[in-house]
C-alpha atoms as a PDB file:
ATOM      1  CA  UNK A   1      13.915  -7.302  -1.723  1.00  0.00           C
ATOM      2  CA  UNK A   2      10.299  -8.267  -1.083  1.00  0.00           C
ATOM      3  CA  UNK A   3       7.961  -8.131  -4.080  1.00  0.00           C
ATOM      4  CA  UNK A   4       4.225  -7.694  -3.827  1.00  0.00           C
ATOM      5  CA  UNK A   5       0.971  -6.194  -4.998  1.00  0.00           C
ATOM      6  CA  UNK A   6      -1.579  -3.779  -3.638  1.00  0.00           C
ATOM      7  CA  UNK A   7      -5.019  -2.595  -4.676  1.00  0.00           C
ATOM      8  CA  UNK A   8      -7.961  -0.433  -3.606  1.00  0.00           C
ATOM      9  CA  UNK A   9     -10.472  -3.033  -4.885  1.00  0.00           C
ATOM     10  CA  UNK A  10     -11.973  -0.804  -7.574  1.00  0.00           C
ATOM     11  CA  UNK A  11     -15.606  -1.188  -8.586  1.00  0.00           C
ATOM     12  CA  UNK A  12     -17.827   0.590 -11.108  1.00  0.00           C
ATOM     13  CA  UNK A  13     -19.160   3.735  -9.371  1.00  0.00           C
ATOM     14  CA  UNK A  14     -22.096   3.727 -11.802  1.00  0.00           C
ATOM     15  CA  UNK A  15     -23.110   0.119 -11.134  1.00  0.00           C
ATOM     16  CA  UNK A  16     -26.922   0.021 -10.665  1.00  0.00           C
ATOM     17  CA  UNK A  17     -26.705  -2.758  -8.047  1.00  0.00           C
ATOM     18  CA  UNK A  18     -23.773  -1.752  -5.888  1.00  0.00           C
ATOM     19  CA  UNK A  19     -24.095  -4.688  -3.512  1.00  0.00           C
ATOM     20  CA  UNK A  20     -23.827  -7.199  -6.348  1.00  0.00           C
ATOM     21  CA  UNK A  21     -20.857  -5.369  -7.852  1.00  0.00           C
ATOM     22  CA  UNK A  22     -19.073  -5.302  -4.489  1.00  0.00           C
ATOM     23  CA  UNK A  23     -19.771  -8.998  -3.830  1.00  0.00           C
ATOM     24  CA  UNK A  24     -18.327  -9.926  -7.236  1.00  0.00           C
ATOM     25  CA  UNK A  25     -15.242  -7.776  -6.638  1.00  0.00           C
ATOM     26  CA  UNK A  26     -14.733  -9.331  -3.177  1.00  0.00           C
ATOM     27  CA  UNK A  27     -14.802 -12.825  -4.699  1.00  0.00           C
ATOM     28  CA  UNK A  28     -12.307 -11.775  -7.387  1.00  0.00           C
ATOM     29  CA  UNK A  29     -10.065 -10.038  -4.869  1.00  0.00           C
ATOM     30  CA  UNK A  30      -9.742 -13.121  -2.676  1.00  0.00           C
ATOM     31  CA  UNK A  31      -8.864 -15.195  -5.738  1.00  0.00           C
ATOM     32  CA  UNK A  32      -6.194 -12.636  -6.665  1.00  0.00           C
ATOM     33  CA  UNK A  33      -4.630 -12.730  -3.206  1.00  0.00           C
ATOM     34  CA  UNK A  34      -4.733 -16.522  -3.197  1.00  0.00           C
ATOM     35  CA  UNK A  35      -2.963 -16.628  -6.574  1.00  0.00           C
ATOM     36  CA  UNK A  36      -0.360 -14.096  -5.430  1.00  0.00           C
ATOM     37  CA  UNK A  37       0.417 -16.438  -2.541  1.00  0.00           C
ATOM     38  CA  UNK A  38       0.592 -19.502  -4.796  1.00  0.00           C
ATOM     39  CA  UNK A  39       3.063 -17.880  -7.227  1.00  0.00           C
ATOM     40  CA  UNK A  40       5.403 -16.902  -4.396  1.00  0.00           C
ATOM     41  CA  UNK A  41       4.897 -13.164  -3.976  1.00  0.00           C
ATOM     42  CA  UNK A  42       5.868 -11.772  -0.593  1.00  0.00           C
ATOM     43  CA  UNK A  43       3.226  -9.149   0.225  1.00  0.00           C
ATOM     44  CA  UNK A  44      -0.350  -8.175  -0.648  1.00  0.00           C
ATOM     45  CA  UNK A  45      -1.708  -4.786   0.434  1.00  0.00           C
ATOM     46  CA  UNK A  46      -5.277  -3.503   0.485  1.00  0.00           C
ATOM     47  CA  UNK A  47      -6.193   0.162   0.738  1.00  0.00           C
ATOM     48  CA  UNK A  48      -8.977   1.804   2.739  1.00  0.00           C
ATOM     49  CA  UNK A  49     -11.371   4.129   0.913  1.00  0.00           C
ATOM     50  CA  UNK A  50     -14.901   5.408   1.476  1.00  0.00           C
ATOM     51  CA  UNK A  51     -15.961   6.213  -2.091  1.00  0.00           C
ATOM     52  CA  UNK A  52     -18.311   4.643  -4.652  1.00  0.00           C
ATOM     53  CA  UNK A  53     -15.391   3.651  -6.900  1.00  0.00           C
ATOM     54  CA  UNK A  54     -13.651   1.487  -4.255  1.00  0.00           C
ATOM     55  CA  UNK A  55     -15.036  -1.503  -2.382  1.00  0.00           C
ATOM     56  CA  UNK A  56     -12.529  -1.873   0.480  1.00  0.00           C
ATOM     57  CA  UNK A  57     -13.668   0.435   3.258  1.00  0.00           C
ATOM     58  CA  UNK A  58     -12.787  -2.328   5.748  1.00  0.00           C
ATOM     59  CA  UNK A  59      -9.482  -3.840   4.575  1.00  0.00           C
ATOM     60  CA  UNK A  60      -8.934  -5.870   7.747  1.00  0.00           C
ATOM     61  CA  UNK A  61     -12.159  -7.806   7.132  1.00  0.00           C
ATOM     62  CA  UNK A  62     -11.094  -8.770   3.624  1.00  0.00           C
ATOM     63  CA  UNK A  63      -7.538  -9.552   4.711  1.00  0.00           C
ATOM     64  CA  UNK A  64      -8.888 -11.823   7.442  1.00  0.00           C
ATOM     65  CA  UNK A  65     -10.773 -13.763   4.763  1.00  0.00           C
ATOM     66  CA  UNK A  66      -7.589 -13.886   2.676  1.00  0.00           C
ATOM     67  CA  UNK A  67      -5.609 -15.071   5.710  1.00  0.00           C
ATOM     68  CA  UNK A  68      -7.718 -18.198   5.887  1.00  0.00           C
ATOM     69  CA  UNK A  69      -7.051 -18.957   2.206  1.00  0.00           C
ATOM     70  CA  UNK A  70      -3.295 -18.310   2.047  1.00  0.00           C
ATOM     71  CA  UNK A  71      -0.169 -19.776   3.600  1.00  0.00           C
ATOM     72  CA  UNK A  72       2.884 -17.564   3.179  1.00  0.00           C
ATOM     73  CA  UNK A  73       2.113 -14.109   1.799  1.00  0.00           C
ATOM     74  CA  UNK A  74       2.210 -11.137   4.186  1.00  0.00           C
ATOM     75  CA  UNK A  75      -1.072  -9.214   4.423  1.00  0.00           C
ATOM     76  CA  UNK A  76      -1.052  -5.466   4.990  1.00  0.00           C
ATOM     77  CA  UNK A  77      -3.280  -2.450   4.790  1.00  0.00           C
ATOM     78  CA  UNK A  78      -2.234  -0.028   2.071  1.00  0.00           C
ATOM     79  CA  UNK A  79      -3.169   2.164   3.792  1.00  0.00           C
ATOM     80  CA  UNK A  80      -5.190   2.372   7.007  1.00  0.00           C
ATOM     81  CA  UNK A  81      -6.465   5.954   7.224  1.00  0.00           C
ATOM     82  CA  UNK A  82      -5.404   6.277  10.833  1.00  0.00           C
ATOM     83  CA  UNK A  83      -6.443   9.921  11.249  1.00  0.00           C
ATOM     84  CA  UNK A  84     -10.143   9.092  10.976  1.00  0.00           C
ATOM     85  CA  UNK A  85     -10.070   5.711  12.701  1.00  0.00           C
ATOM     86  CA  UNK A  86      -9.677   4.525  16.290  1.00  0.00           C
ATOM     87  CA  UNK A  87      -6.154   3.186  16.932  1.00  0.00           C
ATOM     88  CA  UNK A  88      -7.513   0.680  19.456  1.00  0.00           C
ATOM     89  CA  UNK A  89      -9.784  -0.876  16.847  1.00  0.00           C
ATOM     90  CA  UNK A  90      -7.123  -0.727  14.139  1.00  0.00           C
ATOM     91  CA  UNK A  91      -4.740  -2.646  16.375  1.00  0.00           C
ATOM     92  CA  UNK A  92      -7.382  -5.181  17.425  1.00  0.00           C
ATOM     93  CA  UNK A  93      -8.436  -5.819  13.828  1.00  0.00           C
ATOM     94  CA  UNK A  94      -4.909  -6.403  12.546  1.00  0.00           C
ATOM     95  CA  UNK A  95      -3.902  -8.399  15.609  1.00  0.00           C
ATOM     96  CA  UNK A  96      -6.845 -10.654  14.746  1.00  0.00           C
ATOM     97  CA  UNK A  97      -5.662 -10.929  11.123  1.00  0.00           C
ATOM     98  CA  UNK A  98      -2.245 -11.814  12.543  1.00  0.00           C
ATOM     99  CA  UNK A  99      -3.719 -14.636  14.600  1.00  0.00           C
ATOM    100  CA  UNK A 100      -5.717 -16.048  11.687  1.00  0.00           C
ATOM    101  CA  UNK A 101      -2.717 -15.810   9.346  1.00  0.00           C
ATOM    102  CA  UNK A 102      -0.296 -17.247  11.931  1.00  0.00           C
ATOM    103  CA  UNK A 103       1.863 -14.140  12.035  1.00  0.00           C
ATOM    104  CA  UNK A 104       1.601 -12.543   8.576  1.00  0.00           C
ATOM    105  CA  UNK A 105      -0.252  -9.281   9.261  1.00  0.00           C
ATOM    106  CA  UNK A 106       1.040  -5.735   8.999  1.00  0.00           C
ATOM    107  CA  UNK A 107      -0.365  -2.230   9.285  1.00  0.00           C
ATOM    108  CA  UNK A 108       0.564   0.468   6.798  1.00  0.00           C
ATOM    109  CA  UNK A 109      -0.723   3.718   8.287  1.00  0.00           C
ATOM    110  CA  UNK A 110      -1.207   6.962   6.404  1.00  0.00           C
ATOM    111  CA  UNK A 111      -3.199  10.154   6.324  1.00  0.00           C
ATOM    112  CA  UNK A 112      -5.046   9.030   3.187  1.00  0.00           C
ATOM    113  CA  UNK A 113      -5.156  10.334  -0.373  1.00  0.00           C
ATOM    114  CA  UNK A 114      -8.857  11.302  -0.102  1.00  0.00           C
ATOM    115  CA  UNK A 115     -10.775  13.166   2.598  1.00  0.00           C
ATOM    116  CA  UNK A 116     -14.186  11.443   2.572  1.00  0.00           C
ATOM    117  CA  UNK A 117     -13.533   9.588   5.829  1.00  0.00           C
ATOM    118  CA  UNK A 118     -13.103  12.772   7.875  1.00  0.00           C
ATOM    119  CA  UNK A 119     -16.682  14.117   7.678  1.00  0.00           C
ATOM    120  CA  UNK A 120     -18.013  10.552   7.601  1.00  0.00           C
ATOM    121  CA  UNK A 121     -16.593   9.849  11.059  1.00  0.00           C
ATOM    122  CA  UNK A 122     -17.048  13.353  12.450  1.00  0.00           C
ATOM    123  CA  UNK A 123     -13.517  14.791  12.215  1.00  0.00           C
ATOM    124  CA  UNK A 124     -12.506  18.327  11.334  1.00  0.00           C
ATOM    125  CA  UNK A 125     -10.007  18.687   8.497  1.00  0.00           C
ATOM    126  CA  UNK A 126      -8.456  21.596  10.402  1.00  0.00           C
ATOM    127  CA  UNK A 127      -7.118  18.911  12.778  1.00  0.00           C
ATOM    128  CA  UNK A 128      -5.561  16.935   9.912  1.00  0.00           C
ATOM    129  CA  UNK A 129      -1.992  16.914  11.241  1.00  0.00           C
ATOM    130  CA  UNK A 130      -2.859  16.678  14.933  1.00  0.00           C
ATOM    131  CA  UNK A 131      -5.169  13.709  14.354  1.00  0.00           C
ATOM    132  CA  UNK A 132      -2.477  11.690  12.649  1.00  0.00           C
ATOM    133  CA  UNK A 133       0.299  12.548  15.088  1.00  0.00           C
ATOM    134  CA  UNK A 134      -1.761  11.741  18.189  1.00  0.00           C
ATOM    135  CA  UNK A 135      -3.318   8.576  16.804  1.00  0.00           C
ATOM    136  CA  UNK A 136       0.029   7.305  15.583  1.00  0.00           C
ATOM    137  CA  UNK A 137       1.441   7.874  19.059  1.00  0.00           C
ATOM    138  CA  UNK A 138      -1.433   5.881  20.580  1.00  0.00           C
ATOM    139  CA  UNK A 139      -1.136   3.055  18.032  1.00  0.00           C
ATOM    140  CA  UNK A 140       2.570   2.715  18.784  1.00  0.00           C
ATOM    141  CA  UNK A 141       1.888   2.552  22.525  1.00  0.00           C
ATOM    142  CA  UNK A 142      -0.732  -0.154  21.984  1.00  0.00           C
ATOM    143  CA  UNK A 143       1.626  -2.121  19.762  1.00  0.00           C
ATOM    144  CA  UNK A 144       4.390  -2.013  22.354  1.00  0.00           C
ATOM    145  CA  UNK A 145       2.378  -2.478  25.573  1.00  0.00           C
ATOM    146  CA  UNK A 146      -0.402  -4.783  26.748  1.00  0.00           C
ATOM    147  CA  UNK A 147      -1.541  -2.177  29.298  1.00  0.00           C
ATOM    148  CA  UNK A 148      -1.822   1.352  27.936  1.00  0.00           C
ATOM    149  CA  UNK A 149      -2.052   4.805  29.446  1.00  0.00           C
ATOM    150  CA  UNK A 150      -2.504   7.678  27.013  1.00  0.00           C
ATOM    151  CA  UNK A 151      -4.092  11.118  26.789  1.00  0.00           C
ATOM    152  CA  UNK A 152      -4.464  13.665  24.022  1.00  0.00           C
ATOM    153  CA  UNK A 153      -6.857  16.149  22.424  1.00  0.00           C
ATOM    154  CA  UNK A 154      -8.386  14.034  19.666  1.00  0.00           C
ATOM    155  CA  UNK A 155      -9.630  11.030  21.631  1.00  0.00           C
ATOM    156  CA  UNK A 156     -10.779  10.080  25.111  1.00  0.00           C
ATOM    157  CA  UNK A 157      -7.870   9.142  27.416  1.00  0.00           C
ATOM    158  CA  UNK A 158      -6.949   5.578  28.346  1.00  0.00           C
ATOM    159  CA  UNK A 159      -5.872   4.919  31.910  1.00  0.00           C
ATOM    160  CA  UNK A 160      -3.833   1.734  32.340  1.00  0.00           C
ATOM    161  CA  UNK A 161      -6.237  -0.471  30.387  1.00  0.00           C
ATOM    162  CA  UNK A 162      -5.327  -3.756  28.661  1.00  0.00           C
ATOM    163  CA  UNK A 163      -5.918  -4.100  24.918  1.00  0.00           C
ATOM    164  CA  UNK A 164      -6.587  -7.485  23.323  1.00  0.00           C
ATOM    165  CA  UNK A 165      -6.052  -9.620  21.400  1.00  0.00           C
ATOM    166  CA  UNK A 166      -2.281  -9.508  21.243  1.00  0.00           C
ATOM    167  CA  UNK A 167      -0.801 -10.585  17.904  1.00  0.00           C
ATOM    168  CA  UNK A 168       1.137 -13.758  17.294  1.00  0.00           C
ATOM    169  CA  UNK A 169       4.137 -11.693  16.186  1.00  0.00           C
ATOM    170  CA  UNK A 170       6.026 -10.226  19.102  1.00  0.00           C
ATOM    171  CA  UNK A 171       5.552  -6.769  17.611  1.00  0.00           C
ATOM    172  CA  UNK A 172       2.966  -6.156  14.888  1.00  0.00           C
ATOM    173  CA  UNK A 173       4.819  -4.512  11.954  1.00  0.00           C
ATOM    174  CA  UNK A 174       3.792  -0.884  11.481  1.00  0.00           C
ATOM    175  CA  UNK A 175       4.773   1.073   8.358  1.00  0.00           C
ATOM    176  CA  UNK A 176       4.210   4.733   7.545  1.00  0.00           C
ATOM    177  CA  UNK A 177       3.025   5.463   4.006  1.00  0.00           C
ATOM    178  CA  UNK A 178       3.729   8.870   2.501  1.00  0.00           C
ATOM    179  CA  UNK A 179       3.067  10.596  -0.785  1.00  0.00           C
ATOM    180  CA  UNK A 180       6.121  12.810  -0.933  1.00  0.00           C
ATOM    181  CA  UNK A 181       5.828  15.248   1.983  1.00  0.00           C
ATOM    182  CA  UNK A 182       9.243  15.749   3.650  1.00  0.00           C
ATOM    183  CA  UNK A 183       7.690  16.278   7.096  1.00  0.00           C
ATOM    184  CA  UNK A 184       5.943  12.904   6.868  1.00  0.00           C
ATOM    185  CA  UNK A 185       9.205  11.252   5.837  1.00  0.00           C
ATOM    186  CA  UNK A 186      11.046  12.800   8.772  1.00  0.00           C
ATOM    187  CA  UNK A 187       8.241  11.773  11.164  1.00  0.00           C
ATOM    188  CA  UNK A 188       8.607   8.125  10.158  1.00  0.00           C
ATOM    189  CA  UNK A 189      12.358   8.262  10.745  1.00  0.00           C
ATOM    190  CA  UNK A 190      11.914  10.015  14.092  1.00  0.00           C
ATOM    191  CA  UNK A 191       9.587   7.252  15.293  1.00  0.00           C
ATOM    192  CA  UNK A 192      11.809   4.503  13.879  1.00  0.00           C
ATOM    193  CA  UNK A 193       9.089   3.170  11.579  1.00  0.00           C
ATOM    194  CA  UNK A 194       9.539   1.627   8.108  1.00  0.00           C
ATOM    195  CA  UNK A 195       8.686   3.962   5.222  1.00  0.00           C
ATOM    196  CA  UNK A 196       6.547   3.259   2.137  1.00  0.00           C
ATOM    197  CA  UNK A 197       6.716   5.927  -0.566  1.00  0.00           C
ATOM    198  CA  UNK A 198       3.905   6.125  -3.144  1.00  0.00           C
ATOM    199  CA  UNK A 199       5.086   7.264  -6.572  1.00  0.00           C
ATOM    200  CA  UNK A 200       2.287   7.786  -9.106  1.00  0.00           C
ATOM    201  CA  UNK A 201       3.647  10.577 -11.292  1.00  0.00           C
ATOM    202  CA  UNK A 202       6.785  12.275 -12.554  1.00  0.00           C
ATOM    203  CA  UNK A 203      10.196  10.649 -12.693  1.00  0.00           C
ATOM    204  CA  UNK A 204      10.667   8.241  -9.770  1.00  0.00           C
ATOM    205  CA  UNK A 205      14.351   9.150  -9.362  1.00  0.00           C
ATOM    206  CA  UNK A 206      13.240  12.647  -8.288  1.00  0.00           C
ATOM    207  CA  UNK A 207      11.870  11.054  -5.096  1.00  0.00           C
ATOM    208  CA  UNK A 208      15.225   9.537  -4.125  1.00  0.00           C
ATOM    209  CA  UNK A 209      16.187  12.535  -1.917  1.00  0.00           C
ATOM    210  CA  UNK A 210      13.237  11.657   0.323  1.00  0.00           C
ATOM    211  CA  UNK A 211      14.862   8.341   1.183  1.00  0.00           C
ATOM    212  CA  UNK A 212      18.109  10.237   1.789  1.00  0.00           C
ATOM    213  CA  UNK A 213      16.221  12.531   4.178  1.00  0.00           C
ATOM    214  CA  UNK A 214      14.677   9.504   5.891  1.00  0.00           C
ATOM    215  CA  UNK A 215      18.009   7.805   6.490  1.00  0.00           C
ATOM    216  CA  UNK A 216      19.777  11.009   7.525  1.00  0.00           C
ATOM    217  CA  UNK A 217      17.003  11.881   9.983  1.00  0.00           C
ATOM    218  CA  UNK A 218      17.165   8.384  11.451  1.00  0.00           C
ATOM    219  CA  UNK A 219      20.887   8.793  12.060  1.00  0.00           C
ATOM    220  CA  UNK A 220      20.396  12.211  13.670  1.00  0.00           C
ATOM    221  CA  UNK A 221      17.928  10.807  16.211  1.00  0.00           C
ATOM    222  CA  UNK A 222      20.171   7.842  17.006  1.00  0.00           C
ATOM    223  CA  UNK A 223      18.523   5.133  14.908  1.00  0.00           C
ATOM    224  CA  UNK A 224      20.257   2.706  12.578  1.00  0.00           C
ATOM    225  CA  UNK A 225      18.949   3.289   9.012  1.00  0.00           C
ATOM    226  CA  UNK A 226      20.011  -0.236   8.060  1.00  0.00           C
ATOM    227  CA  UNK A 227      17.316  -1.559  10.403  1.00  0.00           C
ATOM    228  CA  UNK A 228      14.536   0.590   8.902  1.00  0.00           C
ATOM    229  CA  UNK A 229      12.971  -1.024   5.808  1.00  0.00           C
ATOM    230  CA  UNK A 230      11.788   1.093   2.885  1.00  0.00           C
ATOM    231  CA  UNK A 231       9.328   0.448   0.079  1.00  0.00           C
ATOM    232  CA  UNK A 232       8.277   2.099  -3.153  1.00  0.00           C
ATOM    233  CA  UNK A 233       4.625   1.640  -4.128  1.00  0.00           C
ATOM    234  CA  UNK A 234       3.841   2.280  -7.790  1.00  0.00           C
ATOM    235  CA  UNK A 235       1.308   1.729 -10.573  1.00  0.00           C
ATOM    236  CA  UNK A 236       1.998  -0.739 -13.361  1.00  0.00           C
ATOM    237  CA  UNK A 237       1.246  -3.944 -15.190  1.00  0.00           C
ATOM    238  CA  UNK A 238       2.875  -6.938 -16.842  1.00  0.00           C
ATOM    239  CA  UNK A 239       1.861  -8.771 -19.999  1.00  0.00           C
ATOM    240  CA  UNK A 240       3.221 -11.317 -22.428  1.00  0.00           C
ATOM    241  CA  UNK A 241       4.573  -8.365 -24.430  1.00  0.00           C
ATOM    242  CA  UNK A 242       5.020  -4.711 -23.556  1.00  0.00           C
ATOM    243  CA  UNK A 243       2.577  -3.746 -26.298  1.00  0.00           C
ATOM    244  CA  UNK A 244      -0.111  -6.059 -24.909  1.00  0.00           C
ATOM    245  CA  UNK A 245       0.486  -4.859 -21.348  1.00  0.00           C
ATOM    246  CA  UNK A 246       0.058  -1.235 -22.441  1.00  0.00           C
ATOM    247  CA  UNK A 247      -3.068  -2.028 -24.442  1.00  0.00           C
ATOM    248  CA  UNK A 248      -4.672  -3.870 -21.528  1.00  0.00           C
ATOM    249  CA  UNK A 249      -3.715  -1.358 -18.836  1.00  0.00           C
ATOM    250  CA  UNK A 250      -4.203   2.024 -20.504  1.00  0.00           C
ATOM    251  CA  UNK A 251      -8.005   2.331 -20.510  1.00  0.00           C
ATOM    252  CA  UNK A 252      -8.395   1.307 -16.866  1.00  0.00           C
ATOM    253  CA  UNK A 253      -5.500   3.494 -15.689  1.00  0.00           C
ATOM    254  CA  UNK A 254      -6.632   6.525 -17.689  1.00  0.00           C
ATOM    255  CA  UNK A 255     -10.241   6.222 -16.502  1.00  0.00           C
ATOM    256  CA  UNK A 256      -9.178   6.301 -12.845  1.00  0.00           C
ATOM    257  CA  UNK A 257      -6.574   9.032 -13.202  1.00  0.00           C
ATOM    258  CA  UNK A 258      -8.891  11.232 -15.276  1.00  0.00           C
ATOM    259  CA  UNK A 259     -11.741  10.836 -12.800  1.00  0.00           C
ATOM    260  CA  UNK A 260      -9.412  12.063 -10.047  1.00  0.00           C
ATOM    261  CA  UNK A 261      -8.094  14.795 -12.356  1.00  0.00           C
ATOM    262  CA  UNK A 262     -11.618  16.124 -12.874  1.00  0.00           C
ATOM    263  CA  UNK A 263     -12.230  16.191  -9.126  1.00  0.00           C
ATOM    264  CA  UNK A 264      -8.990  18.001  -8.344  1.00  0.00           C
ATOM    265  CA  UNK A 265      -8.500  20.181 -11.401  1.00  0.00           C
ATOM    266  CA  UNK A 266      -5.447  18.271 -12.655  1.00  0.00           C
ATOM    267  CA  UNK A 267      -4.358  17.851 -16.258  1.00  0.00           C
ATOM    268  CA  UNK A 268      -5.999  14.735 -17.726  1.00  0.00           C
ATOM    269  CA  UNK A 269      -3.945  11.735 -18.818  1.00  0.00           C
ATOM    270  CA  UNK A 270      -3.525  11.310 -22.560  1.00  0.00           C
ATOM    271  CA  UNK A 271      -2.150   8.314 -24.421  1.00  0.00           C
ATOM    272  CA  UNK A 272       0.990  10.312 -25.185  1.00  0.00           C
ATOM    273  CA  UNK A 273       1.496  11.021 -21.476  1.00  0.00           C
ATOM    274  CA  UNK A 274       0.866   7.356 -20.674  1.00  0.00           C
ATOM    275  CA  UNK A 275       3.380   6.187 -23.273  1.00  0.00           C
ATOM    276  CA  UNK A 276       5.976   8.528 -21.802  1.00  0.00           C
ATOM    277  CA  UNK A 277       5.233   7.281 -18.276  1.00  0.00           C
ATOM    278  CA  UNK A 278       5.843   3.631 -19.171  1.00  0.00           C
ATOM    279  CA  UNK A 279       9.344   4.399 -20.442  1.00  0.00           C
ATOM    280  CA  UNK A 280      12.512   3.611 -18.466  1.00  0.00           C
ATOM    281  CA  UNK A 281      12.315   6.846 -16.454  1.00  0.00           C
ATOM    282  CA  UNK A 282       8.540   7.107 -16.062  1.00  0.00           C
ATOM    283  CA  UNK A 283       6.356   6.442 -13.024  1.00  0.00           C
ATOM    284  CA  UNK A 284       4.362   3.539 -14.494  1.00  0.00           C
ATOM    285  CA  UNK A 285       6.185   0.200 -14.168  1.00  0.00           C
ATOM    286  CA  UNK A 286       4.861  -1.710 -17.166  1.00  0.00           C
ATOM    287  CA  UNK A 287       6.108  -4.179 -19.742  1.00  0.00           C
ATOM    288  CA  UNK A 288       6.810  -7.758 -20.604  1.00  0.00           C
ATOM    289  CA  UNK A 289       8.438  -9.697 -17.730  1.00  0.00           C
ATOM    290  CA  UNK A 290      12.009  -8.827 -18.681  1.00  0.00           C
ATOM    291  CA  UNK A 291      11.264  -5.148 -19.274  1.00  0.00           C
ATOM    292  CA  UNK A 292       9.424  -4.831 -15.969  1.00  0.00           C
ATOM    293  CA  UNK A 293      12.122  -6.719 -14.073  1.00  0.00           C
ATOM    294  CA  UNK A 294      14.836  -4.485 -15.529  1.00  0.00           C
ATOM    295  CA  UNK A 295      12.960  -1.353 -14.484  1.00  0.00           C
ATOM    296  CA  UNK A 296      12.456  -2.674 -10.941  1.00  0.00           C
ATOM    297  CA  UNK A 297      16.162  -3.555 -10.707  1.00  0.00           C
ATOM    298  CA  UNK A 298      17.252  -0.162 -12.080  1.00  0.00           C
ATOM    299  CA  UNK A 299      15.165   1.699  -9.521  1.00  0.00           C
ATOM    300  CA  UNK A 300      16.372  -0.529  -6.707  1.00  0.00           C
ATOM    301  CA  UNK A 301      19.852   0.788  -7.480  1.00  0.00           C
ATOM    302  CA  UNK A 302      18.492   4.324  -7.026  1.00  0.00           C
ATOM    303  CA  UNK A 303      16.357   3.808  -3.914  1.00  0.00           C
ATOM    304  CA  UNK A 304      18.009   0.793  -2.231  1.00  0.00           C
ATOM    305  CA  UNK A 305      14.484  -0.163  -1.195  1.00  0.00           C
ATOM    306  CA  UNK A 306      13.682  -3.334   0.731  1.00  0.00           C
ATOM    307  CA  UNK A 307      10.222  -3.784  -0.756  1.00  0.00           C
ATOM    308  CA  UNK A 308       8.516  -3.115  -4.085  1.00  0.00           C
ATOM    309  CA  UNK A 309       4.709  -3.052  -4.316  1.00  0.00           C
ATOM    310  CA  UNK A 310       2.909  -2.811  -7.656  1.00  0.00           C
ATOM    311  CA  UNK A 311      -0.694  -1.655  -8.069  1.00  0.00           C
ATOM    312  CA  UNK A 312      -1.967  -3.544 -11.113  1.00  0.00           C
ATOM    313  CA  UNK A 313      -5.635  -3.871 -10.132  1.00  0.00           C
ATOM    314  CA  UNK A 314      -6.675  -0.372 -11.110  1.00  0.00           C
ATOM    315  CA  UNK A 315     -10.107   0.610 -12.380  1.00  0.00           C
ATOM    316  CA  UNK A 316     -12.267  -1.929 -14.192  1.00  0.00           C
ATOM    317  CA  UNK A 317      -9.448  -4.114 -15.486  1.00  0.00           C
ATOM    318  CA  UNK A 318     -10.880  -7.517 -16.482  1.00  0.00           C
ATOM    319  CA  UNK A 319     -10.312 -10.156 -13.815  1.00  0.00           C
ATOM    320  CA  UNK A 320      -8.873 -12.751 -16.207  1.00  0.00           C
ATOM    321  CA  UNK A 321      -6.270 -10.281 -17.473  1.00  0.00           C
ATOM    322  CA  UNK A 322      -5.335  -9.390 -13.916  1.00  0.00           C
ATOM    323  CA  UNK A 323      -4.984 -13.039 -12.895  1.00  0.00           C
ATOM    324  CA  UNK A 324      -2.640 -13.671 -15.820  1.00  0.00           C
ATOM    325  CA  UNK A 325      -0.623 -10.579 -14.856  1.00  0.00           C
ATOM    326  CA  UNK A 326      -0.311 -11.819 -11.256  1.00  0.00           C
ATOM    327  CA  UNK A 327       0.882 -15.176 -12.562  1.00  0.00           C
ATOM    328  CA  UNK A 328       3.496 -13.494 -14.763  1.00  0.00           C
ATOM    329  CA  UNK A 329       4.634 -11.198 -11.958  1.00  0.00           C
ATOM    330  CA  UNK A 330       5.164 -14.113  -9.588  1.00  0.00           C
ATOM    331  CA  UNK A 331       6.572 -16.717 -11.981  1.00  0.00           C
ATOM    332  CA  UNK A 332       8.519 -14.574 -14.461  1.00  0.00           C
ATOM    333  CA  UNK A 333       9.263 -11.106 -13.079  1.00  0.00           C
ATOM    334  CA  UNK A 334      10.035 -12.028  -9.463  1.00  0.00           C
ATOM    335  CA  UNK A 335      12.642 -14.711 -10.298  1.00  0.00           C
ATOM    336  CA  UNK A 336      14.470 -12.309 -12.643  1.00  0.00           C
ATOM    337  CA  UNK A 337      14.556  -9.587  -9.978  1.00  0.00           C
ATOM    338  CA  UNK A 338      15.626 -11.925  -7.196  1.00  0.00           C
ATOM    339  CA  UNK A 339      18.374 -13.479  -9.296  1.00  0.00           C
ATOM    340  CA  UNK A 340      19.764 -10.085 -10.295  1.00  0.00           C
ATOM    341  CA  UNK A 341      19.698  -8.685  -6.760  1.00  0.00           C
ATOM    342  CA  UNK A 342      21.237 -11.831  -5.310  1.00  0.00           C
ATOM    343  CA  UNK A 343      24.031 -11.662  -7.879  1.00  0.00           C
ATOM    344  CA  UNK A 344      24.481  -7.945  -7.195  1.00  0.00           C
ATOM    345  CA  UNK A 345      24.814  -8.461  -3.466  1.00  0.00           C
END
């Protein structure tokens, strides 16, 4: 199983000098990706957002910078908001990252957890589903063909035009990221695309039927589920002790989740809810290295996932604490997980 990290590159939305705050976060982010590569993690993902609390509205640009500073780690969006972007440009950007990284780029496409990009780029939310379906179809055609012909309702047609650059990889990996909608899960299986499932609340095991649906749908449309990778993407943290990890992570996690809760009318996170969530059956994967490794292994038995991505860089978590957590995840947690899964296989 591949082990990795992802982030949205959080910044302080109340920072008086937003350019300075973003520049500092960009410098820290590149150092974090470089360290993740050095400690042997497999994947680093960067999300796309268009809000004052996140810096990465152009993940491909940042991943290209990271590509020049790393050697082995795979670099992916997490996610590209495909519905409000141009599939031609998305492909060109990540094909370029692939060339710079010598074949380590991926695209993780999704409909996005926020809606700010739709009015920003002139799209109607009434076309939410149609935009994603058509643009995914176009992106797949571009990935599979140097010359493309395509027509639809949400973009100007393309008539047998070449699209460059082509990536170093024969076929640029394309994942579908979902938040728990069965139709989205079935769509990924229908298209034969790897599936990344975001789990940020509740008991993770309750999401296992979605992977069952994914694999069953793949079989029904004549695809081999064994050839379709799956990932779970979760929140969490690692520290020298579980108590220290919880103390370091709680304030940053609660600040982000409660800001979103206020926007959407959700119940705010309390310390009691947080403490429940970091338990063996909760959605937050947190603890000392052994505790975290055991939770990852236990959920691998449930999901049979091929990849595990952890979002530790949440909110205004101090950079030095995050760097130490990345070091622990790569040097302590990952070896425990790999040893257990190798023995189990």
